[in-house]
């Protein structure tokens, strides 16, 4: 695998682990799904921050407003 392939693979695994954790999947389950033998490795894959959660909430608010506007009369936006 090329260096770019290795980096892409790890980016996908980090995304998978982070989304899984945000969805409430226990860290131990994510560890097993990633085929890690120790929790320390899995901790490096999960990107978790309060700021990230804040942005997720804001994104949901914006998305809901867009969907609501799309259901109404045209030209509101």
PDB file of N, CA and C in Angstrom:
ATOM      1  N   UNK A   1       0.854  -1.172   0.000  1.00  0.00           N
ATOM      2  CA  UNK A   1       0.000   0.000   0.000  1.00  0.00           C
ATOM      3  C   UNK A   1       0.898   1.234   0.000  1.00  0.00           C
ATOM      4  N   UNK A   2       0.517   2.241  -0.776  1.00  0.00           N
ATOM      5  CA  UNK A   2       1.306   3.466  -0.835  1.00  0.00           C
ATOM      6  C   UNK A   2       1.134   4.274   0.444  1.00  0.00           C
ATOM      7  N   UNK A   3       2.004   5.246   0.617  1.00  0.00           N
ATOM      8  CA  UNK A   3       1.916   6.106   1.800  1.00  0.00           C
ATOM      9  C   UNK A   3       0.557   6.794   1.838  1.00  0.00           C
ATOM     10  N   UNK A   4       0.091   7.293   0.689  1.00  0.00           N
ATOM     11  CA  UNK A   4      -1.221   7.945   0.630  1.00  0.00           C
ATOM     12  C   UNK A   4      -2.332   6.970   0.999  1.00  0.00           C
ATOM     13  N   UNK A   5      -2.208   5.724   0.564  1.00  0.00           N
ATOM     14  CA  UNK A   5      -3.203   4.705   0.904  1.00  0.00           C
ATOM     15  C   UNK A   5      -3.242   4.441   2.393  1.00  0.00           C
ATOM     16  N   UNK A   6      -2.080   4.401   3.015  1.00  0.00           N
ATOM     17  CA  UNK A   6      -2.007   4.176   4.463  1.00  0.00           C
ATOM     18  C   UNK A   6      -2.652   5.349   5.197  1.00  0.00           C
ATOM     19  N   UNK A   7      -2.356   6.570   4.767  1.00  0.00           N
ATOM     20  CA  UNK A   7      -2.941   7.747   5.416  1.00  0.00           C
ATOM     21  C   UNK A   7      -4.460   7.773   5.238  1.00  0.00           C
ATOM     22  N   UNK A   8      -4.934   7.429   4.052  1.00  0.00           N
ATOM     23  CA  UNK A   8      -6.378   7.401   3.806  1.00  0.00           C
ATOM     24  C   UNK A   8      -7.043   6.331   4.662  1.00  0.00           C
ATOM     25  N   UNK A   9      -6.402   5.173   4.775  1.00  0.00           N
ATOM     26  CA  UNK A   9      -6.938   4.090   5.591  1.00  0.00           C
ATOM     27  C   UNK A   9      -7.090   4.543   7.047  1.00  0.00           C
ATOM     28  N   UNK A  10      -6.079   5.196   7.571  1.00  0.00           N
ATOM     29  CA  UNK A  10      -6.145   5.640   8.967  1.00  0.00           C
ATOM     30  C   UNK A  10      -7.176   6.759   9.135  1.00  0.00           C
ATOM     31  N   UNK A  11      -7.320   7.621   8.142  1.00  0.00           N
ATOM     32  CA  UNK A  11      -8.335   8.674   8.213  1.00  0.00           C
ATOM     33  C   UNK A  11      -9.732   8.064   8.262  1.00  0.00           C
ATOM     34  N   UNK A  12      -9.970   7.040   7.465  1.00  0.00           N
ATOM     35  CA  UNK A  12     -11.273   6.367   7.477  1.00  0.00           C
ATOM     36  C   UNK A  12     -11.523   5.681   8.817  1.00  0.00           C
ATOM     37  N   UNK A  13     -10.491   5.064   9.369  1.00  0.00           N
ATOM     38  CA  UNK A  13     -10.646   4.387  10.659  1.00  0.00           C
ATOM     39  C   UNK A  13     -10.916   5.407  11.772  1.00  0.00           C
ATOM     40  N   UNK A  14     -10.231   6.566  11.730  1.00  0.00           N
ATOM     41  CA  UNK A  14     -10.482   7.618  12.719  1.00  0.00           C
ATOM     42  C   UNK A  14     -11.917   8.123  12.598  1.00  0.00           C
ATOM     43  N   UNK A  15     -12.374   8.331  11.360  1.00  0.00           N
ATOM     44  CA  UNK A  15     -13.742   8.809  11.143  1.00  0.00           C
ATOM     45  C   UNK A  15     -14.747   7.796  11.667  1.00  0.00           C
ATOM     46  N   UNK A  16     -14.534   6.531  11.350  1.00  0.00           N
ATOM     47  CA  UNK A  16     -15.414   5.448  11.802  1.00  0.00           C
ATOM     48  C   UNK A  16     -15.486   5.422  13.325  1.00  0.00           C
ATOM     49  N   UNK A  17     -14.326   5.489  13.972  1.00  0.00           N
ATOM     50  CA  UNK A  17     -14.266   5.433  15.433  1.00  0.00           C
ATOM     51  C   UNK A  17     -14.925   6.658  16.060  1.00  0.00           C
ATOM     52  N   UNK A  18     -14.671   7.823  15.494  1.00  0.00           N
ATOM     53  CA  UNK A  18     -15.218   9.061  16.036  1.00  0.00           C
ATOM     54  C   UNK A  18     -16.730   9.100  15.904  1.00  0.00           C
ATOM     55  N   UNK A  19     -17.252   8.733  14.738  1.00  0.00           N
ATOM     56  CA  UNK A  19     -18.699   8.731  14.529  1.00  0.00           C
ATOM     57  C   UNK A  19     -19.355   7.669  15.409  1.00  0.00           C
ATOM     58  N   UNK A  20     -18.723   6.521  15.521  1.00  0.00           N
ATOM     59  CA  UNK A  20     -19.257   5.478  16.386  1.00  0.00           C
ATOM     60  C   UNK A  20     -19.359   5.937  17.824  1.00  0.00           C
ATOM     61  N   UNK A  21     -18.328   6.591  18.303  1.00  0.00           N
ATOM     62  CA  UNK A  21     -18.326   7.073  19.695  1.00  0.00           C
ATOM     63  C   UNK A  21     -19.385   8.149  19.893  1.00  0.00           C
ATOM     64  N   UNK A  22     -19.496   9.066  18.908  1.00  0.00           N
ATOM     65  CA  UNK A  22     -20.508  10.130  18.985  1.00  0.00           C
ATOM     66  C   UNK A  22     -21.919   9.552  18.971  1.00  0.00           C
ATOM     67  N   UNK A  23     -22.089   8.389  18.334  1.00  0.00           N
ATOM     68  CA  UNK A  23     -23.394   7.729  18.275  1.00  0.00           C
ATOM     69  C   UNK A  23     -23.690   6.937  19.540  1.00  0.00           C
ATOM     70  N   UNK A  24     -22.732   6.907  20.463  1.00  0.00           N
ATOM     71  CA  UNK A  24     -22.961   6.230  21.734  1.00  0.00           C
ATOM     72  C   UNK A  24     -22.442   4.804  21.802  1.00  0.00           C
ATOM     73  N   UNK A  25     -21.690   4.378  20.792  1.00  0.00           N
ATOM     74  CA  UNK A  25     -21.119   3.025  20.817  1.00  0.00           C
ATOM     75  C   UNK A  25     -20.001   3.001  21.862  1.00  0.00           C
ATOM     76  N   UNK A  26     -20.006   2.033  22.764  1.00  0.00           N
ATOM     77  CA  UNK A  26     -18.960   1.966  23.785  1.00  0.00           C
ATOM     78  C   UNK A  26     -17.567   1.836  23.163  1.00  0.00           C
ATOM     79  N   UNK A  27     -16.615   2.472  23.823  1.00  0.00           N
ATOM     80  CA  UNK A  27     -15.240   2.470  23.323  1.00  0.00           C
ATOM     81  C   UNK A  27     -14.701   1.045  23.164  1.00  0.00           C
ATOM     82  N   UNK A  28     -15.081   0.150  24.070  1.00  0.00           N
ATOM     83  CA  UNK A  28     -14.611  -1.230  23.980  1.00  0.00           C
ATOM     84  C   UNK A  28     -15.132  -1.918  22.714  1.00  0.00           C
ATOM     85  N   UNK A  29     -16.359  -1.621  22.338  1.00  0.00           N
ATOM     86  CA  UNK A  29     -16.914  -2.194  21.107  1.00  0.00           C
ATOM     87  C   UNK A  29     -16.184  -1.656  19.888  1.00  0.00           C
ATOM     88  N   UNK A  30     -15.901  -0.355  19.887  1.00  0.00           N
ATOM     89  CA  UNK A  30     -15.149   0.238  18.775  1.00  0.00           C
ATOM     90  C   UNK A  30     -13.775  -0.405  18.680  1.00  0.00           C
ATOM     91  N   UNK A  31     -13.141  -0.616  19.829  1.00  0.00           N
ATOM     92  CA  UNK A  31     -11.821  -1.261  19.858  1.00  0.00           C
ATOM     93  C   UNK A  31     -11.874  -2.610  19.164  1.00  0.00           C
ATOM     94  N   UNK A  32     -12.889  -3.415  19.497  1.00  0.00           N
ATOM     95  CA  UNK A  32     -13.006  -4.743  18.880  1.00  0.00           C
ATOM     96  C   UNK A  32     -13.311  -4.644  17.386  1.00  0.00           C
ATOM     97  N   UNK A  33     -14.183  -3.701  17.008  1.00  0.00           N
ATOM     98  CA  UNK A  33     -14.522  -3.539  15.595  1.00  0.00           C
ATOM     99  C   UNK A  33     -13.318  -3.099  14.758  1.00  0.00           C
ATOM    100  N   UNK A  34     -12.413  -2.347  15.372  1.00  0.00           N
ATOM    101  CA  UNK A  34     -11.195  -1.924  14.675  1.00  0.00           C
ATOM    102  C   UNK A  34     -10.085  -2.973  14.780  1.00  0.00           C
ATOM    103  N   UNK A  35     -10.393  -4.059  15.474  1.00  0.00           N
ATOM    104  CA  UNK A  35      -9.438  -5.150  15.650  1.00  0.00           C
ATOM    105  C   UNK A  35      -8.193  -4.712  16.420  1.00  0.00           C
ATOM    106  N   UNK A  36      -8.407  -3.874  17.432  1.00  0.00           N
ATOM    107  CA  UNK A  36      -7.314  -3.445  18.298  1.00  0.00           C
ATOM    108  C   UNK A  36      -7.279  -4.353  19.521  1.00  0.00           C
ATOM    109  N   UNK A  37      -6.088  -4.678  19.977  1.00  0.00           N
ATOM    110  CA  UNK A  37      -5.973  -5.527  21.159  1.00  0.00           C
ATOM    111  C   UNK A  37      -5.927  -4.708  22.441  1.00  0.00           C
ATOM    112  N   UNK A  38      -5.523  -3.448  22.351  1.00  0.00           N
ATOM    113  CA  UNK A  38      -5.445  -2.607  23.538  1.00  0.00           C
ATOM    114  C   UNK A  38      -6.230  -1.328  23.352  1.00  0.00           C
ATOM    115  N   UNK A  39      -6.790  -0.815  24.439  1.00  0.00           N
ATOM    116  CA  UNK A  39      -7.585   0.402  24.384  1.00  0.00           C
ATOM    117  C   UNK A  39      -6.781   1.645  24.062  1.00  0.00           C
ATOM    118  N   UNK A  40      -5.472   1.632  24.390  1.00  0.00           N
ATOM    119  CA  UNK A  40      -4.643   2.805  24.133  1.00  0.00           C
ATOM    120  C   UNK A  40      -4.623   3.169  22.653  1.00  0.00           C
ATOM    121  N   UNK A  41      -4.557   2.182  21.784  1.00  0.00           N
ATOM    122  CA  UNK A  41      -4.520   2.440  20.345  1.00  0.00           C
ATOM    123  C   UNK A  41      -5.840   3.067  19.904  1.00  0.00           C
ATOM    124  N   UNK A  42      -6.943   2.525  20.378  1.00  0.00           N
ATOM    125  CA  UNK A  42      -8.261   3.026  19.990  1.00  0.00           C
ATOM    126  C   UNK A  42      -8.448   4.471  20.433  1.00  0.00           C
ATOM    127  N   UNK A  43      -7.929   4.827  21.599  1.00  0.00           N
ATOM    128  CA  UNK A  43      -8.045   6.203  22.089  1.00  0.00           C
ATOM    129  C   UNK A  43      -7.451   7.202  21.102  1.00  0.00           C
ATOM    130  N   UNK A  44      -6.411   6.817  20.395  1.00  0.00           N
ATOM    131  CA  UNK A  44      -5.784   7.713  19.419  1.00  0.00           C
ATOM    132  C   UNK A  44      -6.646   7.888  18.178  1.00  0.00           C
ATOM    133  N   UNK A  45      -7.531   6.963  17.922  1.00  0.00           N
ATOM    134  CA  UNK A  45      -8.391   7.039  16.744  1.00  0.00           C
ATOM    135  C   UNK A  45      -9.608   7.923  16.973  1.00  0.00           C
ATOM    136  N   UNK A  46     -10.106   7.973  18.193  1.00  0.00           N
ATOM    137  CA  UNK A  46     -11.332   8.710  18.490  1.00  0.00           C
ATOM    138  C   UNK A  46     -11.006  10.183  18.723  1.00  0.00           C
ATOM    139  N   UNK A  47     -11.586  11.030  17.888  1.00  0.00           N
ATOM    140  CA  UNK A  47     -11.420  12.479  18.022  1.00  0.00           C
ATOM    141  C   UNK A  47     -12.671  13.000  18.704  1.00  0.00           C
ATOM    142  N   UNK A  48     -12.545  13.372  19.962  1.00  0.00           N
ATOM    143  CA  UNK A  48     -13.697  13.791  20.733  1.00  0.00           C
ATOM    144  C   UNK A  48     -13.380  15.117  21.400  1.00  0.00           C
ATOM    145  N   UNK A  49     -14.230  16.093  21.161  1.00  0.00           N
ATOM    146  CA  UNK A  49     -14.024  17.379  21.815  1.00  0.00           C
ATOM    147  C   UNK A  49     -15.361  18.054  22.048  1.00  0.00           C
ATOM    148  N   UNK A  50     -15.404  18.888  23.059  1.00  0.00           N
ATOM    149  CA  UNK A  50     -16.606  19.660  23.337  1.00  0.00           C
ATOM    150  C   UNK A  50     -16.936  20.588  22.183  1.00  0.00           C
ATOM    151  N   UNK A  51     -15.915  21.153  21.563  1.00  0.00           N
ATOM    152  CA  UNK A  51     -16.125  22.046  20.428  1.00  0.00           C
ATOM    153  C   UNK A  51     -16.762  21.297  19.260  1.00  0.00           C
ATOM    154  N   UNK A  52     -16.316  20.067  19.036  1.00  0.00           N
ATOM    155  CA  UNK A  52     -16.900  19.254  17.973  1.00  0.00           C
ATOM    156  C   UNK A  52     -18.367  18.969  18.225  1.00  0.00           C
ATOM    157  N   UNK A  53     -18.717  18.686  19.470  1.00  0.00           N
ATOM    158  CA  UNK A  53     -20.121  18.447  19.815  1.00  0.00           C
ATOM    159  C   UNK A  53     -20.944  19.715  19.642  1.00  0.00           C
ATOM    160  N   UNK A  54     -20.370  20.872  20.001  1.00  0.00           N
ATOM    161  CA  UNK A  54     -21.061  22.148  19.822  1.00  0.00           C
ATOM    162  C   UNK A  54     -21.350  22.377  18.344  1.00  0.00           C
ATOM    163  N   UNK A  55     -20.357  22.134  17.512  1.00  0.00           N
ATOM    164  CA  UNK A  55     -20.564  22.323  16.078  1.00  0.00           C
ATOM    165  C   UNK A  55     -21.614  21.357  15.537  1.00  0.00           C
ATOM    166  N   UNK A  56     -21.656  20.157  16.060  1.00  0.00           N
ATOM    167  CA  UNK A  56     -22.652  19.188  15.607  1.00  0.00           C
ATOM    168  C   UNK A  56     -24.053  19.688  15.925  1.00  0.00           C
ATOM    169  N   UNK A  57     -24.226  20.256  17.097  1.00  0.00           N
ATOM    170  CA  UNK A  57     -25.530  20.797  17.491  1.00  0.00           C
ATOM    171  C   UNK A  57     -25.904  21.972  16.588  1.00  0.00           C
ATOM    172  N   UNK A  58     -24.950  22.857  16.337  1.00  0.00           N
ATOM    173  CA  UNK A  58     -25.203  23.997  15.457  1.00  0.00           C
ATOM    174  C   UNK A  58     -25.532  23.540  14.043  1.00  0.00           C
ATOM    175  N   UNK A  59     -24.819  22.517  13.568  1.00  0.00           N
ATOM    176  CA  UNK A  59     -25.076  21.995  12.225  1.00  0.00           C
ATOM    177  C   UNK A  59     -26.488  21.433  12.128  1.00  0.00           C
ATOM    178  N   UNK A  60     -26.927  20.725  13.154  1.00  0.00           N
ATOM    179  CA  UNK A  60     -28.290  20.190  13.170  1.00  0.00           C
ATOM    180  C   UNK A  60     -29.315  21.319  13.121  1.00  0.00           C
ATOM    181  N   UNK A  61     -29.061  22.414  13.833  1.00  0.00           N
ATOM    182  CA  UNK A  61     -29.968  23.558  13.834  1.00  0.00           C
ATOM    183  C   UNK A  61     -30.061  24.171  12.439  1.00  0.00           C
ATOM    184  N   UNK A  62     -28.915  24.350  11.794  1.00  0.00           N
ATOM    185  CA  UNK A  62     -28.891  24.909  10.438  1.00  0.00           C
ATOM    186  C   UNK A  62     -29.582  23.973   9.462  1.00  0.00           C
ATOM    187  N   UNK A  63     -29.291  22.683   9.553  1.00  0.00           N
ATOM    188  CA  UNK A  63     -29.910  21.697   8.659  1.00  0.00           C
ATOM    189  C   UNK A  63     -31.424  21.697   8.814  1.00  0.00           C
ATOM    190  N   UNK A  64     -31.916  21.770  10.039  1.00  0.00           N
ATOM    191  CA  UNK A  64     -33.363  21.783  10.284  1.00  0.00           C
ATOM    192  C   UNK A  64     -34.002  23.024   9.667  1.00  0.00           C
ATOM    193  N   UNK A  65     -33.323  24.168   9.764  1.00  0.00           N
ATOM    194  CA  UNK A  65     -33.850  25.400   9.172  1.00  0.00           C
ATOM    195  C   UNK A  65     -33.907  25.300   7.647  1.00  0.00           C
ATOM    196  N   UNK A  66     -32.904  24.677   7.047  1.00  0.00           N
ATOM    197  CA  UNK A  66     -32.887  24.498   5.584  1.00  0.00           C
ATOM    198  C   UNK A  66     -34.027  23.588   5.154  1.00  0.00           C
ATOM    199  N   UNK A  67     -34.198  22.477   5.862  1.00  0.00           N
ATOM    200  CA  UNK A  67     -35.272  21.531   5.522  1.00  0.00           C
ATOM    201  C   UNK A  67     -36.633  22.210   5.677  1.00  0.00           C
ATOM    202  N   UNK A  68     -36.816  22.988   6.737  1.00  0.00           N
ATOM    203  CA  UNK A  68     -38.078  23.686   6.952  1.00  0.00           C
ATOM    204  C   UNK A  68     -38.339  24.674   5.822  1.00  0.00           C
ATOM    205  N   UNK A  69     -37.312  25.412   5.424  1.00  0.00           N
ATOM    206  CA  UNK A  69     -37.458  26.383   4.327  1.00  0.00           C
ATOM    207  C   UNK A  69     -37.783  25.685   3.014  1.00  0.00           C
ATOM    208  N   UNK A  70     -37.236  24.515   2.800  1.00  0.00           N
ATOM    209  CA  UNK A  70     -37.494  23.773   1.563  1.00  0.00           C
ATOM    210  C   UNK A  70     -38.937  23.280   1.501  1.00  0.00           C
ATOM    211  N   UNK A  71     -39.556  23.048   2.647  1.00  0.00           N
ATOM    212  CA  UNK A  71     -40.932  22.581   2.693  1.00  0.00           C
ATOM    213  C   UNK A  71     -41.933  23.728   2.495  1.00  0.00           C
ATOM    214  N   UNK A  72     -41.481  24.976   2.686  1.00  0.00           N
ATOM    215  CA  UNK A  72     -42.374  26.121   2.573  1.00  0.00           C
ATOM    216  C   UNK A  72     -42.397  26.669   1.156  1.00  0.00           C
ATOM    217  N   UNK A  73     -43.055  27.816   1.008  1.00  0.00           N
ATOM    218  CA  UNK A  73     -43.129  28.450  -0.320  1.00  0.00           C
ATOM    219  C   UNK A  73     -41.741  28.802  -0.837  1.00  0.00           C
ATOM    220  N   UNK A  74     -41.580  28.728  -2.143  1.00  0.00           N
ATOM    221  CA  UNK A  74     -40.280  29.048  -2.757  1.00  0.00           C
ATOM    222  C   UNK A  74     -39.968  30.530  -2.583  1.00  0.00           C
ATOM    223  N   UNK A  75     -38.678  30.812  -2.500  1.00  0.00           N
ATOM    224  CA  UNK A  75     -38.245  32.197  -2.433  1.00  0.00           C
ATOM    225  C   UNK A  75     -38.027  32.718  -1.024  1.00  0.00           C
ATOM    226  N   UNK A  76     -38.156  31.863  -0.027  1.00  0.00           N
ATOM    227  CA  UNK A  76     -37.945  32.306   1.352  1.00  0.00           C
ATOM    228  C   UNK A  76     -36.472  32.493   1.670  1.00  0.00           C
ATOM    229  N   UNK A  77     -35.652  31.815   0.941  1.00  0.00           N
ATOM    230  CA  UNK A  77     -34.212  31.902   1.242  1.00  0.00           C
ATOM    231  C   UNK A  77     -33.548  32.778   0.212  1.00  0.00           C
TER     232      UNK A  77
END
